[in-house]
Protein backbone atom coordinates (compact mmCIF):
# COMPACT_ATOMS: atom_id res chain seq x y z
CA UNK A 1 0.00 0.00 0.00
CA UNK A 2 2.70 2.50 0.96
CA UNK A 3 5.27 3.41 -1.64
CA UNK A 4 8.82 2.32 -1.20
CA UNK A 5 11.33 5.02 -0.41
CA UNK A 6 15.04 5.50 -0.94
CA UNK A 7 17.33 3.94 1.64
CA UNK A 8 17.88 7.37 3.22
CA UNK A 9 14.15 7.59 4.05
CA UNK A 10 13.57 10.66 1.93
CA UNK A 11 10.30 9.37 0.38
CA UNK A 12 10.36 12.00 -2.32
CA UNK A 13 10.84 15.30 -0.57
CA UNK A 14 9.88 17.64 2.18
CA UNK A 15 6.50 18.54 3.60
CA UNK A 16 6.14 21.47 1.20
CA UNK A 17 6.77 19.26 -1.84
CA UNK A 18 10.03 21.05 -2.61
CA UNK A 19 12.11 17.89 -2.35
CA UNK A 20 14.25 19.54 0.28
CA UNK A 21 13.58 17.55 3.43
CA UNK A 22 13.11 14.14 4.94
CA UNK A 23 9.46 13.10 4.91
CA UNK A 24 10.01 10.08 7.17
CA UNK A 25 12.60 8.59 9.48
CA UNK A 26 13.07 5.21 11.13
CA UNK A 27 11.78 4.97 14.72
CA UNK A 28 14.31 4.47 17.50
CA UNK A 29 13.41 2.01 20.24
CA UNK A 30 9.78 1.94 19.09
CA UNK A 31 9.33 5.69 19.40
CA UNK A 32 9.28 8.59 16.99
CA UNK A 33 11.44 11.69 17.41
CA UNK A 34 9.75 15.00 18.22
CA UNK A 35 10.55 16.22 14.70
CA UNK A 36 8.54 13.33 13.16
CA UNK A 37 5.69 12.49 15.60
CA UNK A 38 3.29 10.77 13.18
CA UNK A 39 3.49 6.97 13.65
CA UNK A 40 2.88 4.72 10.64
CA UNK A 41 2.23 0.99 10.34
CA UNK A 42 3.07 -0.20 6.84
CA UNK A 43 1.26 -3.55 7.00
CA UNK A 44 -2.07 -1.85 7.69
CA UNK A 45 -1.35 1.32 5.73
CA UNK A 46 -2.53 3.42 8.69
CA UNK A 47 -0.90 6.33 10.48
CA UNK A 48 -1.55 7.65 13.99
CA UNK A 49 -1.21 11.22 15.23
CA UNK A 50 -0.36 12.35 18.78
CA UNK A 51 -3.46 12.37 20.95
CA UNK A 52 -5.17 9.63 18.94
CA UNK A 53 -6.71 6.64 20.72
CA UNK A 54 -4.07 4.13 19.57
CA UNK A 55 -1.09 6.48 19.37
CA UNK A 56 0.65 5.46 22.62
CA UNK A 57 0.37 1.73 21.98
CA UNK A 58 1.43 1.87 18.32
CA UNK A 59 4.90 0.53 17.58
CA UNK A 60 5.73 2.39 14.35
CA UNK A 61 7.47 1.17 11.22
CA UNK A 62 8.08 4.76 10.10
CA UNK A 63 7.77 8.23 11.59
CA UNK A 64 6.48 11.14 9.51
CA UNK A 65 6.84 14.86 10.10
CA UNK A 66 3.19 15.59 9.25
CA UNK A 67 -0.02 13.71 8.43
CA UNK A 68 0.22 15.21 4.93
CA UNK A 69 3.58 13.48 4.44
CA UNK A 70 2.10 10.15 5.51
CA UNK A 71 -0.89 10.55 3.18
CA UNK A 72 1.41 11.50 0.30
CA UNK A 73 3.22 8.20 0.89
CA UNK A 74 -0.03 6.24 0.43
CA UNK A 75 -1.11 5.84 4.06
CA UNK A 76 -4.50 6.72 5.54
CA UNK A 77 -5.31 8.23 8.94
CA UNK A 78 -6.60 6.03 11.75
CA UNK A 79 -10.31 6.23 12.37
CA UNK A 80 -9.85 6.96 16.08
PDB file of N, CA and C in Angstrom:
ATOM      1  N   UNK A   1       0.823  -1.189   0.000  1.00  0.00           N
ATOM      2  CA  UNK A   1       0.000   0.000   0.000  1.00  0.00           C
ATOM      3  C   UNK A   1       0.868   1.254   0.000  1.00  0.00           C
ATOM      4  N   UNK A   2       1.814   1.341   0.931  1.00  0.00           N
ATOM      5  CA  UNK A   2       2.696   2.497   0.959  1.00  0.00           C
ATOM      6  C   UNK A   2       3.776   2.340  -0.098  1.00  0.00           C
ATOM      7  N   UNK A   3       4.208   3.450  -0.649  1.00  0.00           N
ATOM      8  CA  UNK A   3       5.271   3.413  -1.644  1.00  0.00           C
ATOM      9  C   UNK A   3       6.588   3.107  -0.973  1.00  0.00           C
ATOM     10  N   UNK A   4       7.485   2.532  -1.725  1.00  0.00           N
ATOM     11  CA  UNK A   4       8.820   2.320  -1.199  1.00  0.00           C
ATOM     12  C   UNK A   4       9.582   3.634  -1.298  1.00  0.00           C
ATOM     13  N   UNK A   5      10.567   3.791  -0.445  1.00  0.00           N
ATOM     14  CA  UNK A   5      11.334   5.025  -0.410  1.00  0.00           C
ATOM     15  C   UNK A   5      12.811   4.710  -0.534  1.00  0.00           C
ATOM     16  N   UNK A   6      13.594   5.704  -0.897  1.00  0.00           N
ATOM     17  CA  UNK A   6      15.036   5.501  -0.940  1.00  0.00           C
ATOM     18  C   UNK A   6      15.565   5.058   0.418  1.00  0.00           C
ATOM     19  N   UNK A   7      16.723   4.442   0.417  1.00  0.00           N
ATOM     20  CA  UNK A   7      17.330   3.942   1.640  1.00  0.00           C
ATOM     21  C   UNK A   7      17.490   5.038   2.680  1.00  0.00           C
ATOM     22  N   UNK A   8      17.692   6.281   2.256  1.00  0.00           N
ATOM     23  CA  UNK A   8      17.878   7.365   3.217  1.00  0.00           C
ATOM     24  C   UNK A   8      16.568   7.824   3.852  1.00  0.00           C
ATOM     25  N   UNK A   9      15.433   7.240   3.463  1.00  0.00           N
ATOM     26  CA  UNK A   9      14.149   7.589   4.046  1.00  0.00           C
ATOM     27  C   UNK A   9      13.560   8.879   3.525  1.00  0.00           C
ATOM     28  N   UNK A  10      14.026   9.359   2.389  1.00  0.00           N
ATOM     29  CA  UNK A  10      13.574  10.663   1.928  1.00  0.00           C
ATOM     30  C   UNK A  10      12.207  10.656   1.269  1.00  0.00           C
ATOM     31  N   UNK A  11      11.672   9.525   0.893  1.00  0.00           N
ATOM     32  CA  UNK A  11      10.298   9.369   0.380  1.00  0.00           C
ATOM     33  C   UNK A  11       9.848  10.454  -0.578  1.00  0.00           C
ATOM     34  N   UNK A  12      10.761  11.083  -1.277  1.00  0.00           N
ATOM     35  CA  UNK A  12      10.358  12.002  -2.323  1.00  0.00           C
ATOM     36  C   UNK A  12      10.311  13.455  -1.959  1.00  0.00           C
ATOM     37  N   UNK A  13      10.772  13.866  -0.820  1.00  0.00           N
ATOM     38  CA  UNK A  13      10.837  15.297  -0.575  1.00  0.00           C
ATOM     39  C   UNK A  13      10.291  15.739   0.746  1.00  0.00           C
ATOM     40  N   UNK A  14      10.307  17.036   0.928  1.00  0.00           N
ATOM     41  CA  UNK A  14       9.884  17.637   2.179  1.00  0.00           C
ATOM     42  C   UNK A  14       8.394  17.867   2.246  1.00  0.00           C
ATOM     43  N   UNK A  15       7.923  18.321   3.393  1.00  0.00           N
ATOM     44  CA  UNK A  15       6.500  18.542   3.600  1.00  0.00           C
ATOM     45  C   UNK A  15       5.894  19.534   2.624  1.00  0.00           C
ATOM     46  N   UNK A  16       6.677  20.468   2.121  1.00  0.00           N
ATOM     47  CA  UNK A  16       6.137  21.471   1.202  1.00  0.00           C
ATOM     48  C   UNK A  16       6.211  21.037  -0.256  1.00  0.00           C
ATOM     49  N   UNK A  17       6.683  19.779  -0.482  1.00  0.00           N
ATOM     50  CA  UNK A  17       6.774  19.260  -1.841  1.00  0.00           C
ATOM     51  C   UNK A  17       7.985  19.750  -2.604  1.00  0.00           C
ATOM     52  N   UNK A  18       8.870  20.477  -1.936  1.00  0.00           N
ATOM     53  CA  UNK A  18      10.029  21.048  -2.609  1.00  0.00           C
ATOM     54  C   UNK A  18      11.131  20.036  -2.855  1.00  0.00           C
ATOM     55  N   UNK A  19      11.052  18.875  -2.209  1.00  0.00           N
ATOM     56  CA  UNK A  19      12.112  17.892  -2.348  1.00  0.00           C
ATOM     57  C   UNK A  19      13.291  18.191  -1.460  1.00  0.00           C
ATOM     58  N   UNK A  20      13.127  19.116  -0.520  1.00  0.00           N
ATOM     59  CA  UNK A  20      14.252  19.543   0.283  1.00  0.00           C
ATOM     60  C   UNK A  20      14.215  19.114   1.726  1.00  0.00           C
ATOM     61  N   UNK A  21      13.615  17.984   2.044  1.00  0.00           N
ATOM     62  CA  UNK A  21      13.584  17.552   3.432  1.00  0.00           C
ATOM     63  C   UNK A  21      13.355  16.062   3.514  1.00  0.00           C
ATOM     64  N   UNK A  22      13.348  15.553   4.722  1.00  0.00           N
ATOM     65  CA  UNK A  22      13.113  14.141   4.938  1.00  0.00           C
ATOM     66  C   UNK A  22      11.681  13.968   5.396  1.00  0.00           C
ATOM     67  N   UNK A  23      10.874  13.290   4.589  1.00  0.00           N
ATOM     68  CA  UNK A  23       9.464  13.096   4.906  1.00  0.00           C
ATOM     69  C   UNK A  23       9.274  12.091   6.029  1.00  0.00           C
ATOM     70  N   UNK A  24      10.135  11.065   6.094  1.00  0.00           N
ATOM     71  CA  UNK A  24      10.008  10.084   7.171  1.00  0.00           C
ATOM     72  C   UNK A  24      11.378   9.623   7.630  1.00  0.00           C
ATOM     73  N   UNK A  25      11.390   9.137   8.878  1.00  0.00           N
ATOM     74  CA  UNK A  25      12.605   8.587   9.480  1.00  0.00           C
ATOM     75  C   UNK A  25      12.256   7.264  10.147  1.00  0.00           C
ATOM     76  N   UNK A  26      13.257   6.467  10.410  1.00  0.00           N
ATOM     77  CA  UNK A  26      13.074   5.211  11.128  1.00  0.00           C
ATOM     78  C   UNK A  26      12.850   5.515  12.610  1.00  0.00           C
ATOM     79  N   UNK A  27      11.949   4.783  13.279  1.00  0.00           N
ATOM     80  CA  UNK A  27      11.782   4.968  14.721  1.00  0.00           C
ATOM     81  C   UNK A  27      12.999   4.427  15.468  1.00  0.00           C
ATOM     82  N   UNK A  28      13.217   4.936  16.654  1.00  0.00           N
ATOM     83  CA  UNK A  28      14.311   4.474  17.503  1.00  0.00           C
ATOM     84  C   UNK A  28      13.709   3.909  18.783  1.00  0.00           C
ATOM     85  N   UNK A  29      13.946   2.635  19.039  1.00  0.00           N
ATOM     86  CA  UNK A  29      13.411   2.013  20.238  1.00  0.00           C
ATOM     87  C   UNK A  29      11.887   2.024  20.291  1.00  0.00           C
ATOM     88  N   UNK A  30      11.238   1.966  19.137  1.00  0.00           N
ATOM     89  CA  UNK A  30       9.784   1.939  19.094  1.00  0.00           C
ATOM     90  C   UNK A  30       9.114   3.280  19.278  1.00  0.00           C
ATOM     91  N   UNK A  31       9.902   4.354  19.251  1.00  0.00           N
ATOM     92  CA  UNK A  31       9.327   5.693  19.405  1.00  0.00           C
ATOM     93  C   UNK A  31       9.771   6.595  18.260  1.00  0.00           C
ATOM     94  N   UNK A  32       8.969   7.610  18.032  1.00  0.00           N
ATOM     95  CA  UNK A  32       9.280   8.586  16.988  1.00  0.00           C
ATOM     96  C   UNK A  32       9.913   9.824  17.604  1.00  0.00           C
ATOM     97  N   UNK A  33      10.851  10.458  16.899  1.00  0.00           N
ATOM     98  CA  UNK A  33      11.443  11.688  17.409  1.00  0.00           C
ATOM     99  C   UNK A  33      10.431  12.835  17.368  1.00  0.00           C
ATOM    100  N   UNK A  34      10.656  13.849  18.164  1.00  0.00           N
ATOM    101  CA  UNK A  34       9.749  15.005  18.225  1.00  0.00           C
ATOM    102  C   UNK A  34       9.591  15.680  16.867  1.00  0.00           C
ATOM    103  N   UNK A  35      10.615  15.597  16.022  1.00  0.00           N
ATOM    104  CA  UNK A  35      10.549  16.223  14.697  1.00  0.00           C
ATOM    105  C   UNK A  35       9.647  15.464  13.728  1.00  0.00           C
ATOM    106  N   UNK A  36       9.352  14.187  14.019  1.00  0.00           N
ATOM    107  CA  UNK A  36       8.540  13.326  13.160  1.00  0.00           C
ATOM    108  C   UNK A  36       7.578  12.513  14.037  1.00  0.00           C
ATOM    109  N   UNK A  37       6.555  13.157  14.608  1.00  0.00           N
ATOM    110  CA  UNK A  37       5.693  12.490  15.599  1.00  0.00           C
ATOM    111  C   UNK A  37       4.612  11.574  15.051  1.00  0.00           C
ATOM    112  N   UNK A  38       4.373  11.566  13.756  1.00  0.00           N
ATOM    113  CA  UNK A  38       3.294  10.766  13.182  1.00  0.00           C
ATOM    114  C   UNK A  38       3.783   9.323  13.011  1.00  0.00           C
ATOM    115  N   UNK A  39       3.099   8.373  13.675  1.00  0.00           N
ATOM    116  CA  UNK A  39       3.490   6.965  13.654  1.00  0.00           C
ATOM    117  C   UNK A  39       2.748   6.229  12.545  1.00  0.00           C
ATOM    118  N   UNK A  40       3.486   5.462  11.741  1.00  0.00           N
ATOM    119  CA  UNK A  40       2.882   4.722  10.637  1.00  0.00           C
ATOM    120  C   UNK A  40       3.153   3.232  10.746  1.00  0.00           C
ATOM    121  N   UNK A  41       2.125   2.439  10.436  1.00  0.00           N
ATOM    122  CA  UNK A  41       2.233   0.987  10.336  1.00  0.00           C
ATOM    123  C   UNK A  41       2.065   0.625   8.868  1.00  0.00           C
ATOM    124  N   UNK A  42       3.101   0.084   8.265  1.00  0.00           N
ATOM    125  CA  UNK A  42       3.074  -0.199   6.839  1.00  0.00           C
ATOM    126  C   UNK A  42       2.167  -1.368   6.478  1.00  0.00           C
ATOM    127  N   UNK A  43       2.084  -2.389   7.311  1.00  0.00           N
ATOM    128  CA  UNK A  43       1.257  -3.550   6.996  1.00  0.00           C
ATOM    129  C   UNK A  43      -0.220  -3.174   6.874  1.00  0.00           C
ATOM    130  N   UNK A  44      -0.667  -2.259   7.724  1.00  0.00           N
ATOM    131  CA  UNK A  44      -2.074  -1.848   7.695  1.00  0.00           C
ATOM    132  C   UNK A  44      -2.300  -0.627   6.812  1.00  0.00           C
ATOM    133  N   UNK A  45      -1.223   0.106   6.527  1.00  0.00           N
ATOM    134  CA  UNK A  45      -1.353   1.323   5.733  1.00  0.00           C
ATOM    135  C   UNK A  45      -1.996   2.460   6.490  1.00  0.00           C
ATOM    136  N   UNK A  46      -1.892   2.427   7.824  1.00  0.00           N
ATOM    137  CA  UNK A  46      -2.531   3.423   8.687  1.00  0.00           C
ATOM    138  C   UNK A  46      -1.470   4.227   9.423  1.00  0.00           C
ATOM    139  N   UNK A  47      -1.768   5.524   9.638  1.00  0.00           N
ATOM    140  CA  UNK A  47      -0.903   6.331  10.481  1.00  0.00           C
ATOM    141  C   UNK A  47      -1.693   6.879  11.663  1.00  0.00           C
ATOM    142  N   UNK A  48      -0.962   7.159  12.751  1.00  0.00           N
ATOM    143  CA  UNK A  48      -1.546   7.647  13.995  1.00  0.00           C
ATOM    144  C   UNK A  48      -0.895   8.969  14.381  1.00  0.00           C
ATOM    145  N   UNK A  49      -1.718   9.906  14.826  1.00  0.00           N
ATOM    146  CA  UNK A  49      -1.214  11.218  15.235  1.00  0.00           C
ATOM    147  C   UNK A  49      -1.232  11.323  16.761  1.00  0.00           C
ATOM    148  N   UNK A  50      -0.363  12.162  17.326  1.00  0.00           N
ATOM    149  CA  UNK A  50      -0.356  12.352  18.778  1.00  0.00           C
ATOM    150  C   UNK A  50      -1.755  12.727  19.277  1.00  0.00           C
ATOM    151  N   UNK A  51      -2.147  12.110  20.375  1.00  0.00           N
ATOM    152  CA  UNK A  51      -3.463  12.367  20.947  1.00  0.00           C
ATOM    153  C   UNK A  51      -4.519  11.390  20.474  1.00  0.00           C
ATOM    154  N   UNK A  52      -4.219  10.617  19.443  1.00  0.00           N
ATOM    155  CA  UNK A  52      -5.166   9.626  18.938  1.00  0.00           C
ATOM    156  C   UNK A  52      -5.295   8.454  19.899  1.00  0.00           C
ATOM    157  N   UNK A  53      -6.400   7.734  19.807  1.00  0.00           N
ATOM    158  CA  UNK A  53      -6.705   6.641  20.722  1.00  0.00           C
ATOM    159  C   UNK A  53      -5.611   5.574  20.752  1.00  0.00           C
ATOM    160  N   UNK A  54      -5.070   5.208  19.623  1.00  0.00           N
ATOM    161  CA  UNK A  54      -4.071   4.133  19.568  1.00  0.00           C
ATOM    162  C   UNK A  54      -2.633   4.629  19.479  1.00  0.00           C
ATOM    163  N   UNK A  55      -2.425   5.925  19.576  1.00  0.00           N
ATOM    164  CA  UNK A  55      -1.085   6.477  19.371  1.00  0.00           C
ATOM    165  C   UNK A  55      -0.051   5.893  20.333  1.00  0.00           C
ATOM    166  N   UNK A  56      -0.342   5.896  21.618  1.00  0.00           N
ATOM    167  CA  UNK A  56       0.645   5.463  22.616  1.00  0.00           C
ATOM    168  C   UNK A  56       1.018   3.999  22.478  1.00  0.00           C
ATOM    169  N   UNK A  57       0.076   3.154  22.062  1.00  0.00           N
ATOM    170  CA  UNK A  57       0.374   1.727  21.980  1.00  0.00           C
ATOM    171  C   UNK A  57       0.900   1.288  20.607  1.00  0.00           C
ATOM    172  N   UNK A  58       0.948   2.207  19.664  1.00  0.00           N
ATOM    173  CA  UNK A  58       1.425   1.870  18.324  1.00  0.00           C
ATOM    174  C   UNK A  58       2.942   1.813  18.291  1.00  0.00           C
ATOM    175  N   UNK A  59       3.462   0.701  17.790  1.00  0.00           N
ATOM    176  CA  UNK A  59       4.899   0.528  17.583  1.00  0.00           C
ATOM    177  C   UNK A  59       5.148   0.797  16.099  1.00  0.00           C
ATOM    178  N   UNK A  60       5.664   1.971  15.752  1.00  0.00           N
ATOM    179  CA  UNK A  60       5.726   2.388  14.346  1.00  0.00           C
ATOM    180  C   UNK A  60       6.791   1.684  13.508  1.00  0.00           C
ATOM    181  N   UNK A  61       6.488   1.613  12.207  1.00  0.00           N
ATOM    182  CA  UNK A  61       7.475   1.168  11.221  1.00  0.00           C
ATOM    183  C   UNK A  61       8.221   2.368  10.653  1.00  0.00           C
ATOM    184  N   UNK A  62       7.518   3.497  10.581  1.00  0.00           N
ATOM    185  CA  UNK A  62       8.080   4.761  10.096  1.00  0.00           C
ATOM    186  C   UNK A  62       7.501   5.900  10.914  1.00  0.00           C
ATOM    187  N   UNK A  63       8.222   7.018  10.918  1.00  0.00           N
ATOM    188  CA  UNK A  63       7.773   8.231  11.594  1.00  0.00           C
ATOM    189  C   UNK A  63       7.769   9.372  10.579  1.00  0.00           C
ATOM    190  N   UNK A  64       6.641  10.043  10.472  1.00  0.00           N
ATOM    191  CA  UNK A  64       6.485  11.140   9.513  1.00  0.00           C
ATOM    192  C   UNK A  64       6.430  12.476  10.237  1.00  0.00           C
ATOM    193  N   UNK A  65       6.863  13.514   9.535  1.00  0.00           N
ATOM    194  CA  UNK A  65       6.845  14.861  10.098  1.00  0.00           C
ATOM    195  C   UNK A  65       5.412  15.384  10.231  1.00  0.00           C
ATOM    196  N   UNK A  66       4.570  15.089   9.248  1.00  0.00           N
ATOM    197  CA  UNK A  66       3.187  15.587   9.246  1.00  0.00           C
ATOM    198  C   UNK A  66       2.243  14.516   8.709  1.00  0.00           C
ATOM    199  N   UNK A  67       0.954  14.614   9.035  1.00  0.00           N
ATOM    200  CA  UNK A  67      -0.019  13.707   8.429  1.00  0.00           C
ATOM    201  C   UNK A  67      -0.047  13.818   6.904  1.00  0.00           C
ATOM    202  N   UNK A  68       0.185  15.002   6.385  1.00  0.00           N
ATOM    203  CA  UNK A  68       0.216  15.207   4.935  1.00  0.00           C
ATOM    204  C   UNK A  68       1.323  14.375   4.298  1.00  0.00           C
ATOM    205  N   UNK A  69       2.477  14.305   4.946  1.00  0.00           N
ATOM    206  CA  UNK A  69       3.578  13.481   4.436  1.00  0.00           C
ATOM    207  C   UNK A  69       3.186  12.012   4.405  1.00  0.00           C
ATOM    208  N   UNK A  70       2.526  11.545   5.457  1.00  0.00           N
ATOM    209  CA  UNK A  70       2.101  10.148   5.512  1.00  0.00           C
ATOM    210  C   UNK A  70       1.077   9.844   4.417  1.00  0.00           C
ATOM    211  N   UNK A  71       0.120  10.736   4.227  1.00  0.00           N
ATOM    212  CA  UNK A  71      -0.887  10.546   3.181  1.00  0.00           C
ATOM    213  C   UNK A  71      -0.244  10.561   1.801  1.00  0.00           C
ATOM    214  N   UNK A  72       0.731  11.416   1.589  1.00  0.00           N
ATOM    215  CA  UNK A  72       1.410  11.495   0.298  1.00  0.00           C
ATOM    216  C   UNK A  72       2.177  10.213   0.006  1.00  0.00           C
ATOM    217  N   UNK A  73       2.510   9.455   1.058  1.00  0.00           N
ATOM    218  CA  UNK A  73       3.219   8.199   0.894  1.00  0.00           C
ATOM    219  C   UNK A  73       2.256   7.014   0.795  1.00  0.00           C
ATOM    220  N   UNK A  74       0.956   7.288   0.662  1.00  0.00           N
ATOM    221  CA  UNK A  74      -0.028   6.243   0.432  1.00  0.00           C
ATOM    222  C   UNK A  74      -0.707   5.696   1.666  1.00  0.00           C
ATOM    223  N   UNK A  75      -0.491   6.311   2.822  1.00  0.00           N
ATOM    224  CA  UNK A  75      -1.113   5.840   4.056  1.00  0.00           C
ATOM    225  C   UNK A  75      -2.401   6.606   4.332  1.00  0.00           C
ATOM    226  N   UNK A  76      -3.266   6.027   5.175  1.00  0.00           N
ATOM    227  CA  UNK A  76      -4.504   6.717   5.536  1.00  0.00           C
ATOM    228  C   UNK A  76      -4.503   6.953   7.045  1.00  0.00           C
ATOM    229  N   UNK A  77      -5.255   7.967   7.494  1.00  0.00           N
ATOM    230  CA  UNK A  77      -5.314   8.226   8.939  1.00  0.00           C
ATOM    231  C   UNK A  77      -6.121   7.144   9.669  1.00  0.00           C
ATOM    232  N   UNK A  78      -5.796   6.944  10.933  1.00  0.00           N
ATOM    233  CA  UNK A  78      -6.602   6.029  11.747  1.00  0.00           C
ATOM    234  C   UNK A  78      -7.983   6.614  11.929  1.00  0.00           C
ATOM    235  N   UNK A  79      -8.941   5.759  12.202  1.00  0.00           N
ATOM    236  CA  UNK A  79     -10.314   6.235  12.368  1.00  0.00           C
ATOM    237  C   UNK A  79     -10.567   6.781  13.768  1.00  0.00           C
ATOM    238  N   UNK A  80      -9.678   6.474  14.702  1.00  0.00           N
ATOM    239  CA  UNK A  80      -9.853   6.959  16.082  1.00  0.00           C
ATOM    240  C   UNK A  80      -8.644   7.717  16.541  1.00  0.00           C
TER     241      UNK A  80
END
